[in-house]
Amino acid sequence: MIYSKMWCVVKPSVGIPVFIAAVAVASFSVHLALTVNTTWVKNFLNGGTKVVASAPAAADAAVKK
């Protein structure tokens, strides 16, 4: 393990929960920032309106010939 000597300074019973809490806070803040600062994430999570892509009319006429 690369950082094995770190546990001589920080007890694992303290360091591991602090590390896990830091990862959880960072993950939550990233997800919150995505939700607050974009419009498509809110629509996606709320099941926003479905947009159906359609081909242009000229392309349909060319295909039928």
PDB file of N, CA and C in Angstrom:
ATOM      1  N   MET A   1       0.852  -1.179   0.000  1.00  0.00           N
ATOM      2  CA  MET A   1       0.000   0.000   0.000  1.00  0.00           C
ATOM      3  C   MET A   1       0.896   1.241   0.000  1.00  0.00           C
ATOM      4  N   ILE A   2       0.586   2.193  -0.827  1.00  0.00           N
ATOM      5  CA  ILE A   2       1.437   3.372  -0.990  1.00  0.00           C
ATOM      6  C   ILE A   2       1.438   4.238   0.274  1.00  0.00           C
ATOM      7  N   TYR A   3       0.263   4.450   0.844  1.00  0.00           N
ATOM      8  CA  TYR A   3       0.143   5.365   1.980  1.00  0.00           C
ATOM      9  C   TYR A   3       0.030   4.618   3.302  1.00  0.00           C
ATOM     10  N   SER A   4       0.739   3.535   3.457  1.00  0.00           N
ATOM     11  CA  SER A   4       0.608   2.733   4.669  1.00  0.00           C
ATOM     12  C   SER A   4       1.106   3.474   5.914  1.00  0.00           C
ATOM     13  N   LYS A   5       2.102   4.345   5.766  1.00  0.00           N
ATOM     14  CA  LYS A   5       2.628   5.071   6.928  1.00  0.00           C
ATOM     15  C   LYS A   5       1.678   6.169   7.409  1.00  0.00           C
ATOM     16  N   MET A   6       0.696   6.535   6.570  1.00  0.00           N
ATOM     17  CA  MET A   6      -0.267   7.553   6.985  1.00  0.00           C
ATOM     18  C   MET A   6      -1.037   7.090   8.211  1.00  0.00           C
ATOM     19  N   TRP A   7      -1.285   5.787   8.305  1.00  0.00           N
ATOM     20  CA  TRP A   7      -2.076   5.274   9.420  1.00  0.00           C
ATOM     21  C   TRP A   7      -1.297   5.274  10.725  1.00  0.00           C
ATOM     22  N   CYS A   8       0.010   5.611  10.683  1.00  0.00           N
ATOM     23  CA  CYS A   8       0.769   5.815  11.919  1.00  0.00           C
ATOM     24  C   CYS A   8       0.443   7.180  12.508  1.00  0.00           C
ATOM     25  N   VAL A   9      -0.057   8.093  11.690  1.00  0.00           N
ATOM     26  CA  VAL A   9      -0.393   9.445  12.138  1.00  0.00           C
ATOM     27  C   VAL A   9      -1.893   9.571  12.394  1.00  0.00           C
ATOM     28  N   VAL A  10      -2.700   9.026  11.488  1.00  0.00           N
ATOM     29  CA  VAL A  10      -4.158   9.107  11.600  1.00  0.00           C
ATOM     30  C   VAL A  10      -4.695   7.706  11.870  1.00  0.00           C
ATOM     31  N   LYS A  11      -5.492   7.572  12.930  1.00  0.00           N
ATOM     32  CA  LYS A  11      -6.071   6.271  13.240  1.00  0.00           C
ATOM     33  C   LYS A  11      -7.099   5.900  12.166  1.00  0.00           C
ATOM     34  N   PRO A  12      -7.114   4.650  11.720  1.00  0.00           N
ATOM     35  CA  PRO A  12      -8.085   4.236  10.705  1.00  0.00           C
ATOM     36  C   PRO A  12      -9.538   4.420  11.145  1.00  0.00           C
ATOM     37  N   SER A  13      -9.787   4.345  12.447  1.00  0.00           N
ATOM     38  CA  SER A  13     -11.163   4.533  12.927  1.00  0.00           C
ATOM     39  C   SER A  13     -11.629   5.971  12.752  1.00  0.00           C
ATOM     40  N   VAL A  14     -10.704   6.893  12.529  1.00  0.00           N
ATOM     41  CA  VAL A  14     -11.048   8.288  12.264  1.00  0.00           C
ATOM     42  C   VAL A  14     -10.878   8.608  10.774  1.00  0.00           C
ATOM     43  N   GLY A  15      -9.796   8.151  10.176  1.00  0.00           N
ATOM     44  CA  GLY A  15      -9.464   8.523   8.804  1.00  0.00           C
ATOM     45  C   GLY A  15     -10.407   7.961   7.764  1.00  0.00           C
ATOM     46  N   ILE A  16     -10.814   6.706   7.924  1.00  0.00           N
ATOM     47  CA  ILE A  16     -11.691   6.087   6.931  1.00  0.00           C
ATOM     48  C   ILE A  16     -13.067   6.749   6.903  1.00  0.00           C
ATOM     49  N   PRO A  17     -13.735   6.961   8.052  1.00  0.00           N
ATOM     50  CA  PRO A  17     -15.028   7.673   7.987  1.00  0.00           C
ATOM     51  C   PRO A  17     -14.910   9.101   7.456  1.00  0.00           C
ATOM     52  N   VAL A  18     -13.829   9.783   7.777  1.00  0.00           N
ATOM     53  CA  VAL A  18     -13.642  11.144   7.265  1.00  0.00           C
ATOM     54  C   VAL A  18     -13.473  11.117   5.751  1.00  0.00           C
ATOM     55  N   PHE A  19     -12.718  10.160   5.239  1.00  0.00           N
ATOM     56  CA  PHE A  19     -12.536  10.031   3.797  1.00  0.00           C
ATOM     57  C   PHE A  19     -13.849   9.713   3.101  1.00  0.00           C
ATOM     58  N   ILE A  20     -14.614   8.774   3.653  1.00  0.00           N
ATOM     59  CA  ILE A  20     -15.910   8.409   3.056  1.00  0.00           C
ATOM     60  C   ILE A  20     -16.874   9.592   3.100  1.00  0.00           C
ATOM     61  N   ALA A  21     -16.868  10.341   4.192  1.00  0.00           N
ATOM     62  CA  ALA A  21     -17.736  11.523   4.295  1.00  0.00           C
ATOM     63  C   ALA A  21     -17.324  12.585   3.270  1.00  0.00           C
ATOM     64  N   ALA A  22     -16.034  12.758   3.062  1.00  0.00           N
ATOM     65  CA  ALA A  22     -15.561  13.743   2.082  1.00  0.00           C
ATOM     66  C   ALA A  22     -15.986  13.356   0.669  1.00  0.00           C
ATOM     67  N   VAL A  23     -15.916  12.078   0.347  1.00  0.00           N
ATOM     68  CA  VAL A  23     -16.355  11.609  -0.973  1.00  0.00           C
ATOM     69  C   VAL A  23     -17.861  11.824  -1.130  1.00  0.00           C
ATOM     70  N   ALA A  24     -18.629  11.549  -0.082  1.00  0.00           N
ATOM     71  CA  ALA A  24     -20.081  11.729  -0.145  1.00  0.00           C
ATOM     72  C   ALA A  24     -20.453  13.202  -0.325  1.00  0.00           C
ATOM     73  N   VAL A  25     -19.788  14.085   0.392  1.00  0.00           N
ATOM     74  CA  VAL A  25     -20.069  15.523   0.269  1.00  0.00           C
ATOM     75  C   VAL A  25     -19.690  16.024  -1.120  1.00  0.00           C
ATOM     76  N   ALA A  26     -18.563  15.580  -1.644  1.00  0.00           N
ATOM     77  CA  ALA A  26     -18.151  16.000  -2.982  1.00  0.00           C
ATOM     78  C   ALA A  26     -19.134  15.511  -4.036  1.00  0.00           C
ATOM     79  N   SER A  27     -19.565  14.272  -3.918  1.00  0.00           N
ATOM     80  CA  SER A  27     -20.522  13.724  -4.876  1.00  0.00           C
ATOM     81  C   SER A  27     -21.850  14.467  -4.805  1.00  0.00           C
ATOM     82  N   PHE A  28     -22.324  14.726  -3.613  1.00  0.00           N
ATOM     83  CA  PHE A  28     -23.583  15.455  -3.454  1.00  0.00           C
ATOM     84  C   PHE A  28     -23.480  16.854  -4.040  1.00  0.00           C
ATOM     85  N   SER A  29     -22.360  17.534  -3.813  1.00  0.00           N
ATOM     86  CA  SER A  29     -22.223  18.901  -4.327  1.00  0.00           C
ATOM     87  C   SER A  29     -22.160  18.924  -5.855  1.00  0.00           C
ATOM     88  N   VAL A  30     -21.531  17.927  -6.469  1.00  0.00           N
ATOM     89  CA  VAL A  30     -21.496  17.864  -7.933  1.00  0.00           C
ATOM     90  C   VAL A  30     -22.894  17.630  -8.486  1.00  0.00           C
ATOM     91  N   HIS A  31     -23.627  16.699  -7.896  1.00  0.00           N
ATOM     92  CA  HIS A  31     -24.981  16.431  -8.369  1.00  0.00           C
ATOM     93  C   HIS A  31     -25.906  17.629  -8.135  1.00  0.00           C
ATOM     94  N   LEU A  32     -25.758  18.303  -7.039  1.00  0.00           N
ATOM     95  CA  LEU A  32     -26.556  19.498  -6.776  1.00  0.00           C
ATOM     96  C   LEU A  32     -26.238  20.592  -7.788  1.00  0.00           C
ATOM     97  N   ALA A  33     -24.966  20.779  -8.092  1.00  0.00           N
ATOM     98  CA  ALA A  33     -24.576  21.795  -9.071  1.00  0.00           C
ATOM     99  C   ALA A  33     -25.147  21.475 -10.449  1.00  0.00           C
ATOM    100  N   LEU A  34     -25.144  20.203 -10.841  1.00  0.00           N
ATOM    101  CA  LEU A  34     -25.728  19.816 -12.129  1.00  0.00           C
ATOM    102  C   LEU A  34     -27.226  20.091 -12.159  1.00  0.00           C
ATOM    103  N   THR A  35     -27.900  19.771 -11.085  1.00  0.00           N
ATOM    104  CA  THR A  35     -29.350  19.954 -11.039  1.00  0.00           C
ATOM    105  C   THR A  35     -29.731  21.434 -11.037  1.00  0.00           C
ATOM    106  N   VAL A  36     -28.981  22.242 -10.327  1.00  0.00           N
ATOM    107  CA  VAL A  36     -29.319  23.657 -10.196  1.00  0.00           C
ATOM    108  C   VAL A  36     -28.927  24.456 -11.448  1.00  0.00           C
ATOM    109  N   ASN A  37     -27.807  24.126 -12.067  1.00  0.00           N
ATOM    110  CA  ASN A  37     -27.264  24.964 -13.138  1.00  0.00           C
ATOM    111  C   ASN A  37     -27.619  24.528 -14.553  1.00  0.00           C
ATOM    112  N   THR A  38     -28.376  23.463 -14.710  1.00  0.00           N
ATOM    113  CA  THR A  38     -28.779  23.045 -16.049  1.00  0.00           C
ATOM    114  C   THR A  38     -30.292  22.896 -16.105  1.00  0.00           C
ATOM    115  N   THR A  39     -30.827  23.023 -17.309  1.00  0.00           N
ATOM    116  CA  THR A  39     -32.277  22.870 -17.441  1.00  0.00           C
ATOM    117  C   THR A  39     -32.652  21.457 -17.848  1.00  0.00           C
ATOM    118  N   TRP A  40     -31.785  20.780 -18.608  1.00  0.00           N
ATOM    119  CA  TRP A  40     -32.145  19.466 -19.122  1.00  0.00           C
ATOM    120  C   TRP A  40     -32.160  18.394 -18.041  1.00  0.00           C
ATOM    121  N   VAL A  41     -31.350  18.544 -16.985  1.00  0.00           N
ATOM    122  CA  VAL A  41     -31.334  17.523 -15.933  1.00  0.00           C
ATOM    123  C   VAL A  41     -32.668  17.522 -15.194  1.00  0.00           C
ATOM    124  N   LYS A  42     -33.195  18.707 -14.889  1.00  0.00           N
ATOM    125  CA  LYS A  42     -34.494  18.785 -14.205  1.00  0.00           C
ATOM    126  C   LYS A  42     -35.588  18.156 -15.062  1.00  0.00           C
ATOM    127  N   ASN A  43     -35.587  18.470 -16.358  1.00  0.00           N
ATOM    128  CA  ASN A  43     -36.587  17.889 -17.258  1.00  0.00           C
ATOM    129  C   ASN A  43     -36.429  16.376 -17.353  1.00  0.00           C
ATOM    130  N   PHE A  44     -35.199  15.905 -17.412  1.00  0.00           N
ATOM    131  CA  PHE A  44     -34.946  14.472 -17.506  1.00  0.00           C
ATOM    132  C   PHE A  44     -35.413  13.754 -16.248  1.00  0.00           C
ATOM    133  N   LEU A  45     -35.097  14.292 -15.091  1.00  0.00           N
ATOM    134  CA  LEU A  45     -35.474  13.644 -13.836  1.00  0.00           C
ATOM    135  C   LEU A  45     -36.974  13.711 -13.578  1.00  0.00           C
ATOM    136  N   ASN A  46     -37.626  14.749 -14.086  1.00  0.00           N
ATOM    137  CA  ASN A  46     -39.070  14.884 -13.909  1.00  0.00           C
ATOM    138  C   ASN A  46     -39.862  14.226 -15.029  1.00  0.00           C
ATOM    139  N   GLY A  47     -39.187  13.619 -15.981  1.00  0.00           N
ATOM    140  CA  GLY A  47     -39.882  12.989 -17.107  1.00  0.00           C
ATOM    141  C   GLY A  47     -40.484  14.030 -18.018  1.00  0.00           C
ATOM    142  N   GLY A  48     -39.683  15.008 -18.389  1.00  0.00           N
ATOM    143  CA  GLY A  48     -40.139  16.123 -19.219  1.00  0.00           C
ATOM    144  C   GLY A  48     -40.747  15.674 -20.534  1.00  0.00           C
ATOM    145  N   THR A  49     -41.187  16.631 -21.310  1.00  0.00           N
ATOM    146  CA  THR A  49     -41.869  16.341 -22.566  1.00  0.00           C
ATOM    147  C   THR A  49     -40.957  15.567 -23.495  1.00  0.00           C
ATOM    148  N   LYS A  50     -41.535  14.626 -24.149  1.00  0.00           N
ATOM    149  CA  LYS A  50     -40.783  13.802 -25.089  1.00  0.00           C
ATOM    150  C   LYS A  50     -40.781  14.494 -26.455  1.00  0.00           C
ATOM    151  N   VAL A  51     -39.627  14.630 -27.045  1.00  0.00           N
ATOM    152  CA  VAL A  51     -39.493  15.243 -28.360  1.00  0.00           C
ATOM    153  C   VAL A  51     -39.240  14.118 -29.354  1.00  0.00           C
ATOM    154  N   VAL A  52     -40.125  14.006 -30.323  1.00  0.00           N
ATOM    155  CA  VAL A  52     -39.985  12.975 -31.338  1.00  0.00           C
ATOM    156  C   VAL A  52     -39.345  13.597 -32.566  1.00  0.00           C
ATOM    157  N   ALA A  53     -38.250  13.030 -33.003  1.00  0.00           N
ATOM    158  CA  ALA A  53     -37.570  13.538 -34.193  1.00  0.00           C
ATOM    159  C   ALA A  53     -38.323  13.073 -35.431  1.00  0.00           C
ATOM    160  N   SER A  54     -38.537  13.996 -36.338  1.00  0.00           N
ATOM    161  CA  SER A  54     -39.220  13.634 -37.576  1.00  0.00           C
ATOM    162  C   SER A  54     -38.371  14.077 -38.763  1.00  0.00           C
ATOM    163  N   ALA A  55     -38.475  13.329 -39.845  1.00  0.00           N
ATOM    164  CA  ALA A  55     -37.713  13.652 -41.044  1.00  0.00           C
ATOM    165  C   ALA A  55     -38.377  14.823 -41.766  1.00  0.00           C
ATOM    166  N   PRO A  56     -37.607  15.634 -42.440  1.00  0.00           N
ATOM    167  CA  PRO A  56     -38.186  16.736 -43.216  1.00  0.00           C
ATOM    168  C   PRO A  56     -39.099  16.202 -44.322  1.00  0.00           C
ATOM    169  N   ALA A  57     -40.081  17.005 -44.714  1.00  0.00           N
ATOM    170  CA  ALA A  57     -41.044  16.582 -45.732  1.00  0.00           C
ATOM    171  C   ALA A  57     -40.375  16.308 -47.085  1.00  0.00           C
ATOM    172  N   ALA A  58     -39.361  17.082 -47.432  1.00  0.00           N
ATOM    173  CA  ALA A  58     -38.682  16.875 -48.718  1.00  0.00           C
ATOM    174  C   ALA A  58     -37.995  15.517 -48.754  1.00  0.00           C
ATOM    175  N   ALA A  59     -37.461  15.093 -47.657  1.00  0.00           N
ATOM    176  CA  ALA A  59     -36.797  13.792 -47.611  1.00  0.00           C
ATOM    177  C   ALA A  59     -37.822  12.668 -47.748  1.00  0.00           C
ATOM    178  N   ASP A  60     -39.014  12.840 -47.185  1.00  0.00           N
ATOM    179  CA  ASP A  60     -40.057  11.828 -47.298  1.00  0.00           C
ATOM    180  C   ASP A  60     -40.510  11.676 -48.769  1.00  0.00           C
ATOM    181  N   ALA A  61     -40.639  12.798 -49.470  1.00  0.00           N
ATOM    182  CA  ALA A  61     -41.063  12.757 -50.867  1.00  0.00           C
ATOM    183  C   ALA A  61     -40.013  12.081 -51.746  1.00  0.00           C
ATOM    184  N   ALA A  62     -38.736  12.312 -51.444  1.00  0.00           N
ATOM    185  CA  ALA A  62     -37.669  11.707 -52.220  1.00  0.00           C
ATOM    186  C   ALA A  62     -37.604  10.202 -51.994  1.00  0.00           C
ATOM    187  N   VAL A  63     -37.912   9.771 -50.803  1.00  0.00           N
ATOM    188  CA  VAL A  63     -37.865   8.339 -50.489  1.00  0.00           C
ATOM    189  C   VAL A  63     -39.006   7.593 -51.152  1.00  0.00           C
ATOM    190  N   LYS A  64     -40.174   8.217 -51.273  1.00  0.00           N
ATOM    191  CA  LYS A  64     -41.339   7.543 -51.842  1.00  0.00           C
ATOM    192  C   LYS A  64     -41.224   7.323 -53.351  1.00  0.00           C
ATOM    193  N   LYS A  65     -40.403   8.086 -54.032  1.00  0.00           N
ATOM    194  CA  LYS A  65     -40.283   7.977 -55.489  1.00  0.00           C
ATOM    195  C   LYS A  65     -39.523   6.763 -55.892  1.00  0.00           C
TER     196      LYS A  65
END
